[in-house]
Amino acid sequence: NNRIGIDVPETEIVAGRLLQMNPIDLY
């Protein structure tokens, strides 16, 4: 249940791309 896509600001830098959010992230 990690919220790393929204709660951690450096996730895009680590992944090297824009992040694709989905309904599970919102839930």
PDB file of all heavy atoms in Angstrom:
ATOM      1  N   ASN A   1       0.817  -1.217   0.000  1.00  0.00           N
ATOM      2  CA  ASN A   1       0.000   0.000   0.000  1.00  0.00           C
ATOM      3  C   ASN A   1       0.851   1.267   0.000  1.00  0.00           C
ATOM      4  O   ASN A   1       0.471   2.284   0.581  1.00  0.00           O
ATOM      5  CB  ASN A   1      -0.971   0.016   1.184  1.00  0.00           C
ATOM      6  CG  ASN A   1      -2.003  -1.088   1.112  1.00  0.00           C
ATOM      7  OD1 ASN A   1      -2.297  -1.597   0.024  1.00  0.00           O
ATOM      8  ND2 ASN A   1      -2.542  -1.496   2.243  1.00  0.00           N
ATOM      9  N   ASN A   2       2.007   1.227  -0.659  1.00  0.00           N
ATOM     10  CA  ASN A   2       2.871   2.410  -0.648  1.00  0.00           C
ATOM     11  C   ASN A   2       2.269   3.519  -1.507  1.00  0.00           C
ATOM     12  O   ASN A   2       1.657   3.286  -2.548  1.00  0.00           O
ATOM     13  CB  ASN A   2       4.284   2.050  -1.109  1.00  0.00           C
ATOM     14  CG  ASN A   2       4.432   2.065  -2.618  1.00  0.00           C
ATOM     15  OD1 ASN A   2       4.643   3.115  -3.210  1.00  0.00           O
ATOM     16  ND2 ASN A   2       4.313   0.891  -3.240  1.00  0.00           N
ATOM     17  N   ARG A   3       2.457   4.736  -1.045  1.00  0.00           N
ATOM     18  CA  ARG A   3       1.939   5.934  -1.704  1.00  0.00           C
ATOM     19  C   ARG A   3       3.080   6.737  -2.320  1.00  0.00           C
ATOM     20  O   ARG A   3       3.048   7.961  -2.374  1.00  0.00           O
ATOM     21  CB  ARG A   3       1.158   6.771  -0.698  1.00  0.00           C
ATOM     22  CG  ARG A   3      -0.062   6.047  -0.149  1.00  0.00           C
ATOM     23  CD  ARG A   3      -0.535   6.650   1.176  1.00  0.00           C
ATOM     24  NE  ARG A   3      -1.759   6.017   1.646  1.00  0.00           N
ATOM     25  CZ  ARG A   3      -1.811   4.874   2.310  1.00  0.00           C
ATOM     26  NH1 ARG A   3      -0.694   4.221   2.585  1.00  0.00           N
ATOM     27  NH2 ARG A   3      -2.953   4.366   2.705  1.00  0.00           N
ATOM     28  N   ILE A   4       4.091   6.016  -2.787  1.00  0.00           N
ATOM     29  CA  ILE A   4       5.319   6.661  -3.228  1.00  0.00           C
ATOM     30  C   ILE A   4       5.104   7.539  -4.457  1.00  0.00           C
ATOM     31  O   ILE A   4       5.821   8.511  -4.673  1.00  0.00           O
ATOM     32  CB  ILE A   4       6.392   5.576  -3.489  1.00  0.00           C
ATOM     33  CG1 ILE A   4       7.796   6.176  -3.499  1.00  0.00           C
ATOM     34  CG2 ILE A   4       6.105   4.802  -4.769  1.00  0.00           C
ATOM     35  CD1 ILE A   4       8.893   5.129  -3.475  1.00  0.00           C
ATOM     36  N   GLY A   5       4.079   7.220  -5.262  1.00  0.00           N
ATOM     37  CA  GLY A   5       3.842   8.004  -6.468  1.00  0.00           C
ATOM     38  C   GLY A   5       3.359   9.405  -6.193  1.00  0.00           C
ATOM     39  O   GLY A   5       3.654  10.332  -6.958  1.00  0.00           O
ATOM     40  N   ILE A   6       2.623   9.594  -5.101  1.00  0.00           N
ATOM     41  CA  ILE A   6       2.072  10.907  -4.782  1.00  0.00           C
ATOM     42  C   ILE A   6       2.799  11.553  -3.612  1.00  0.00           C
ATOM     43  O   ILE A   6       3.098  12.750  -3.634  1.00  0.00           O
ATOM     44  CB  ILE A   6       0.564  10.796  -4.473  1.00  0.00           C
ATOM     45  CG1 ILE A   6      -0.191  10.333  -5.735  1.00  0.00           C
ATOM     46  CG2 ILE A   6       0.014  12.120  -3.981  1.00  0.00           C
ATOM     47  CD1 ILE A   6      -1.675  10.150  -5.522  1.00  0.00           C
ATOM     48  N   ASP A   7       3.126  10.776  -2.603  1.00  0.00           N
ATOM     49  CA  ASP A   7       3.657  11.353  -1.370  1.00  0.00           C
ATOM     50  C   ASP A   7       5.148  11.656  -1.412  1.00  0.00           C
ATOM     51  O   ASP A   7       5.640  12.451  -0.616  1.00  0.00           O
ATOM     52  CB  ASP A   7       3.380  10.407  -0.192  1.00  0.00           C
ATOM     53  CG  ASP A   7       1.912  10.353   0.177  1.00  0.00           C
ATOM     54  OD1 ASP A   7       1.134  11.100  -0.437  1.00  0.00           O
ATOM     55  OD2 ASP A   7       1.536   9.564   1.062  1.00  0.00           O
ATOM     56  N   VAL A   8       5.896  11.021  -2.300  1.00  0.00           N
ATOM     57  CA  VAL A   8       7.344  11.202  -2.335  1.00  0.00           C
ATOM     58  C   VAL A   8       7.701  12.023  -3.573  1.00  0.00           C
ATOM     59  O   VAL A   8       7.581  11.541  -4.710  1.00  0.00           O
ATOM     60  CB  VAL A   8       8.072   9.840  -2.352  1.00  0.00           C
ATOM     61  CG1 VAL A   8       9.588  10.042  -2.383  1.00  0.00           C
ATOM     62  CG2 VAL A   8       7.668   9.017  -1.134  1.00  0.00           C
ATOM     63  N   PRO A   9       8.150  13.271  -3.403  1.00  0.00           N
ATOM     64  CA  PRO A   9       8.336  14.157  -4.569  1.00  0.00           C
ATOM     65  C   PRO A   9       9.443  13.726  -5.512  1.00  0.00           C
ATOM     66  O   PRO A   9       9.414  14.064  -6.698  1.00  0.00           O
ATOM     67  CB  PRO A   9       8.660  15.514  -3.916  1.00  0.00           C
ATOM     68  CG  PRO A   9       9.146  15.199  -2.541  1.00  0.00           C
ATOM     69  CD  PRO A   9       8.406  13.966  -2.121  1.00  0.00           C
ATOM     70  N   GLU A  10      10.449  12.964  -5.035  1.00  0.00           N
ATOM     71  CA  GLU A  10      11.552  12.600  -5.919  1.00  0.00           C
ATOM     72  C   GLU A  10      11.298  11.320  -6.710  1.00  0.00           C
ATOM     73  O   GLU A  10      12.199  10.829  -7.412  1.00  0.00           O
ATOM     74  CB  GLU A  10      12.853  12.456  -5.122  1.00  0.00           C
ATOM     75  CG  GLU A  10      12.827  11.392  -4.039  1.00  0.00           C
ATOM     76  CD  GLU A  10      12.430  11.950  -2.679  1.00  0.00           C
ATOM     77  OE1 GLU A  10      11.739  12.984  -2.642  1.00  0.00           O
ATOM     78  OE2 GLU A  10      12.819  11.350  -1.663  1.00  0.00           O
ATOM     79  N   THR A  11      10.089  10.749  -6.631  1.00  0.00           N
ATOM     80  CA  THR A  11       9.818   9.499  -7.339  1.00  0.00           C
ATOM     81  C   THR A  11       9.991   9.651  -8.849  1.00  0.00           C
ATOM     82  O   THR A  11      10.529   8.767  -9.516  1.00  0.00           O
ATOM     83  CB  THR A  11       8.399   8.997  -7.021  1.00  0.00           C
ATOM     84  OG1 THR A  11       8.277   8.817  -5.611  1.00  0.00           O
ATOM     85  CG2 THR A  11       8.125   7.668  -7.713  1.00  0.00           C
ATOM     86  N   GLU A  12       9.556  10.787  -9.411  1.00  0.00           N
ATOM     87  CA  GLU A  12       9.721  10.991 -10.857  1.00  0.00           C
ATOM     88  C   GLU A  12      11.192  11.026 -11.245  1.00  0.00           C
ATOM     89  O   GLU A  12      11.577  10.520 -12.295  1.00  0.00           O
ATOM     90  CB  GLU A  12       9.029  12.281 -11.285  1.00  0.00           C
ATOM     91  CG  GLU A  12       7.515  12.190 -11.307  1.00  0.00           C
ATOM     92  CD  GLU A  12       6.870  13.427 -11.909  1.00  0.00           C
ATOM     93  OE1 GLU A  12       7.584  14.432 -12.094  1.00  0.00           O
ATOM     94  OE2 GLU A  12       5.673  13.379 -12.200  1.00  0.00           O
ATOM     95  N   ILE A  13      12.046  11.597 -10.376  1.00  0.00           N
ATOM     96  CA  ILE A  13      13.478  11.646 -10.675  1.00  0.00           C
ATOM     97  C   ILE A  13      14.064  10.232 -10.660  1.00  0.00           C
ATOM     98  O   ILE A  13      14.851   9.856 -11.538  1.00  0.00           O
ATOM     99  CB  ILE A  13      14.194  12.549  -9.648  1.00  0.00           C
ATOM    100  CG1 ILE A  13      13.663  13.975  -9.748  1.00  0.00           C
ATOM    101  CG2 ILE A  13      15.700  12.517  -9.858  1.00  0.00           C
ATOM    102  CD1 ILE A  13      14.222  14.908  -8.694  1.00  0.00           C
ATOM    103  N   VAL A  14      13.662   9.439  -9.650  1.00  0.00           N
ATOM    104  CA  VAL A  14      14.171   8.071  -9.552  1.00  0.00           C
ATOM    105  C   VAL A  14      13.706   7.237 -10.752  1.00  0.00           C
ATOM    106  O   VAL A  14      14.486   6.472 -11.342  1.00  0.00           O
ATOM    107  CB  VAL A  14      13.715   7.424  -8.231  1.00  0.00           C
ATOM    108  CG1 VAL A  14      14.103   5.948  -8.190  1.00  0.00           C
ATOM    109  CG2 VAL A  14      14.307   8.152  -7.039  1.00  0.00           C
ATOM    110  N   ALA A  15      12.433   7.384 -11.128  1.00  0.00           N
ATOM    111  CA  ALA A  15      11.892   6.597 -12.238  1.00  0.00           C
ATOM    112  C   ALA A  15      12.346   7.127 -13.594  1.00  0.00           C
ATOM    113  O   ALA A  15      12.320   6.395 -14.593  1.00  0.00           O
ATOM    114  CB  ALA A  15      10.365   6.581 -12.170  1.00  0.00           C
ATOM    115  N   GLY A  16      12.732   8.406 -13.654  1.00  0.00           N
ATOM    116  CA  GLY A  16      13.180   8.987 -14.914  1.00  0.00           C
ATOM    117  C   GLY A  16      12.063   9.221 -15.900  1.00  0.00           C
ATOM    118  O   GLY A  16      12.284   9.189 -17.115  1.00  0.00           O
ATOM    119  N   ARG A  17      10.855   9.461 -15.413  1.00  0.00           N
ATOM    120  CA  ARG A  17       9.715   9.663 -16.307  1.00  0.00           C
ATOM    121  C   ARG A  17       8.570  10.291 -15.526  1.00  0.00           C
ATOM    122  O   ARG A  17       8.576  10.329 -14.294  1.00  0.00           O
ATOM    123  CB  ARG A  17       9.248   8.317 -16.891  1.00  0.00           C
ATOM    124  CG  ARG A  17       8.833   7.295 -15.844  1.00  0.00           C
ATOM    125  CD  ARG A  17       8.451   5.953 -16.464  1.00  0.00           C
ATOM    126  NE  ARG A  17       8.251   4.921 -15.474  1.00  0.00           N
ATOM    127  CZ  ARG A  17       7.087   4.687 -14.845  1.00  0.00           C
ATOM    128  NH1 ARG A  17       6.027   5.414 -15.135  1.00  0.00           N
ATOM    129  NH2 ARG A  17       6.996   3.708 -13.959  1.00  0.00           N
ATOM    130  N   LEU A  18       7.575  10.777 -16.266  1.00  0.00           N
ATOM    131  CA  LEU A  18       6.347  11.203 -15.625  1.00  0.00           C
ATOM    132  C   LEU A  18       5.612   9.974 -15.096  1.00  0.00           C
ATOM    133  O   LEU A  18       5.690   8.890 -15.686  1.00  0.00           O
ATOM    134  CB  LEU A  18       5.458  11.963 -16.610  1.00  0.00           C
ATOM    135  CG  LEU A  18       5.979  13.321 -17.088  1.00  0.00           C
ATOM    136  CD1 LEU A  18       5.049  13.899 -18.152  1.00  0.00           C
ATOM    137  CD2 LEU A  18       6.137  14.296 -15.928  1.00  0.00           C
ATOM    138  N   LEU A  19       4.893  10.148 -14.008  1.00  0.00           N
ATOM    139  CA  LEU A  19       4.217   9.020 -13.384  1.00  0.00           C
ATOM    140  C   LEU A  19       2.783   8.912 -13.877  1.00  0.00           C
ATOM    141  O   LEU A  19       2.092   9.919 -14.047  1.00  0.00           O
ATOM    142  CB  LEU A  19       4.227   9.168 -11.863  1.00  0.00           C
ATOM    143  CG  LEU A  19       5.605   9.250 -11.215  1.00  0.00           C
ATOM    144  CD1 LEU A  19       5.477   9.359  -9.701  1.00  0.00           C
ATOM    145  CD2 LEU A  19       6.460   8.052 -11.587  1.00  0.00           C
ATOM    146  N   GLN A  20       2.354   7.693 -14.097  1.00  0.00           N
ATOM    147  CA  GLN A  20       0.983   7.435 -14.515  1.00  0.00           C
ATOM    148  C   GLN A  20       0.174   7.016 -13.300  1.00  0.00           C
ATOM    149  O   GLN A  20       0.396   5.947 -12.729  1.00  0.00           O
ATOM    150  CB  GLN A  20       0.948   6.338 -15.581  1.00  0.00           C
ATOM    151  CG  GLN A  20      -0.451   5.973 -16.057  1.00  0.00           C
ATOM    152  CD  GLN A  20      -0.429   4.849 -17.066  1.00  0.00           C
ATOM    153  OE1 GLN A  20       0.634   4.420 -17.509  1.00  0.00           O
ATOM    154  NE2 GLN A  20      -1.608   4.365 -17.439  1.00  0.00           N
ATOM    155  N   MET A  21      -0.748   7.843 -12.874  1.00  0.00           N
ATOM    156  CA  MET A  21      -1.592   7.536 -11.720  1.00  0.00           C
ATOM    157  C   MET A  21      -2.776   6.670 -12.156  1.00  0.00           C
ATOM    158  O   MET A  21      -3.192   6.694 -13.321  1.00  0.00           O
ATOM    159  CB  MET A  21      -2.086   8.816 -11.055  1.00  0.00           C
ATOM    160  CG  MET A  21      -0.962   9.692 -10.531  1.00  0.00           C
ATOM    161  SD  MET A  21       0.046   8.845  -9.304  1.00  0.00           S
ATOM    162  CE  MET A  21       1.483   9.919  -9.234  1.00  0.00           C
ATOM    163  N   ASN A  22      -3.319   5.932 -11.203  1.00  0.00           N
ATOM    164  CA  ASN A  22      -4.433   5.034 -11.515  1.00  0.00           C
ATOM    165  C   ASN A  22      -5.417   5.034 -10.347  1.00  0.00           C
ATOM    166  O   ASN A  22      -5.152   5.641  -9.295  1.00  0.00           O
ATOM    167  CB  ASN A  22      -3.901   3.628 -11.801  1.00  0.00           C
ATOM    168  CG  ASN A  22      -3.092   3.081 -10.629  1.00  0.00           C
ATOM    169  OD1 ASN A  22      -3.647   2.783  -9.581  1.00  0.00           O
ATOM    170  ND2 ASN A  22      -1.769   2.955 -10.801  1.00  0.00           N
ATOM    171  N   PRO A  23      -6.552   4.386 -10.494  1.00  0.00           N
ATOM    172  CA  PRO A  23      -7.547   4.408  -9.414  1.00  0.00           C
ATOM    173  C   PRO A  23      -7.039   3.859  -8.085  1.00  0.00           C
ATOM    174  O   PRO A  23      -7.504   4.289  -7.025  1.00  0.00           O
ATOM    175  CB  PRO A  23      -8.687   3.541  -9.970  1.00  0.00           C
ATOM    176  CG  PRO A  23      -8.572   3.679 -11.460  1.00  0.00           C
ATOM    177  CD  PRO A  23      -7.100   3.765 -11.725  1.00  0.00           C
ATOM    178  N   ILE A  24      -6.090   2.918  -8.118  1.00  0.00           N
ATOM    179  CA  ILE A  24      -5.554   2.388  -6.871  1.00  0.00           C
ATOM    180  C   ILE A  24      -4.788   3.475  -6.112  1.00  0.00           C
ATOM    181  O   ILE A  24      -4.877   3.580  -4.885  1.00  0.00           O
ATOM    182  CB  ILE A  24      -4.649   1.179  -7.140  1.00  0.00           C
ATOM    183  CG1 ILE A  24      -5.498  -0.005  -7.631  1.00  0.00           C
ATOM    184  CG2 ILE A  24      -3.877   0.782  -5.890  1.00  0.00           C
ATOM    185  CD1 ILE A  24      -6.494  -0.519  -6.619  1.00  0.00           C
ATOM    186  N   ASP A  25      -4.026   4.314  -6.828  1.00  0.00           N
ATOM    187  CA  ASP A  25      -3.327   5.425  -6.187  1.00  0.00           C
ATOM    188  C   ASP A  25      -4.320   6.350  -5.484  1.00  0.00           C
ATOM    189  O   ASP A  25      -4.103   6.773  -4.340  1.00  0.00           O
ATOM    190  CB  ASP A  25      -2.534   6.226  -7.215  1.00  0.00           C
ATOM    191  CG  ASP A  25      -1.372   5.439  -7.788  1.00  0.00           C
ATOM    192  OD1 ASP A  25      -0.574   4.915  -7.001  1.00  0.00           O
ATOM    193  OD2 ASP A  25      -1.263   5.353  -9.020  1.00  0.00           O
ATOM    194  N   LEU A  26      -5.399   6.664  -6.159  1.00  0.00           N
ATOM    195  CA  LEU A  26      -6.411   7.537  -5.584  1.00  0.00           C
ATOM    196  C   LEU A  26      -7.063   6.881  -4.371  1.00  0.00           C
ATOM    197  O   LEU A  26      -7.286   7.533  -3.341  1.00  0.00           O
ATOM    198  CB  LEU A  26      -7.472   7.873  -6.637  1.00  0.00           C
ATOM    199  CG  LEU A  26      -8.616   8.789  -6.170  1.00  0.00           C
ATOM    200  CD1 LEU A  26      -8.085  10.132  -5.703  1.00  0.00           C
ATOM    201  CD2 LEU A  26      -9.638   8.980  -7.283  1.00  0.00           C
ATOM    202  N   TYR A  27      -7.332   5.581  -4.475  1.00  0.00           N
ATOM    203  CA  TYR A  27      -7.972   4.888  -3.355  1.00  0.00           C
ATOM    204  C   TYR A  27      -7.078   4.905  -2.120  1.00  0.00           C
ATOM    205  O   TYR A  27      -7.552   5.124  -1.002  1.00  0.00           O
ATOM    206  CB  TYR A  27      -8.301   3.443  -3.739  1.00  0.00           C
ATOM    207  CG  TYR A  27      -9.094   2.717  -2.684  1.00  0.00           C
ATOM    208  CD1 TYR A  27     -10.488   2.795  -2.664  1.00  0.00           C
ATOM    209  CD2 TYR A  27      -8.473   1.976  -1.691  1.00  0.00           C
ATOM    210  CE1 TYR A  27     -11.231   2.158  -1.685  1.00  0.00           C
ATOM    211  CE2 TYR A  27      -9.205   1.328  -0.708  1.00  0.00           C
ATOM    212  CZ  TYR A  27     -10.581   1.427  -0.711  1.00  0.00           C
ATOM    213  OH  TYR A  27     -11.300   0.793   0.269  1.00  0.00           O
TER     214      TYR A  27
END
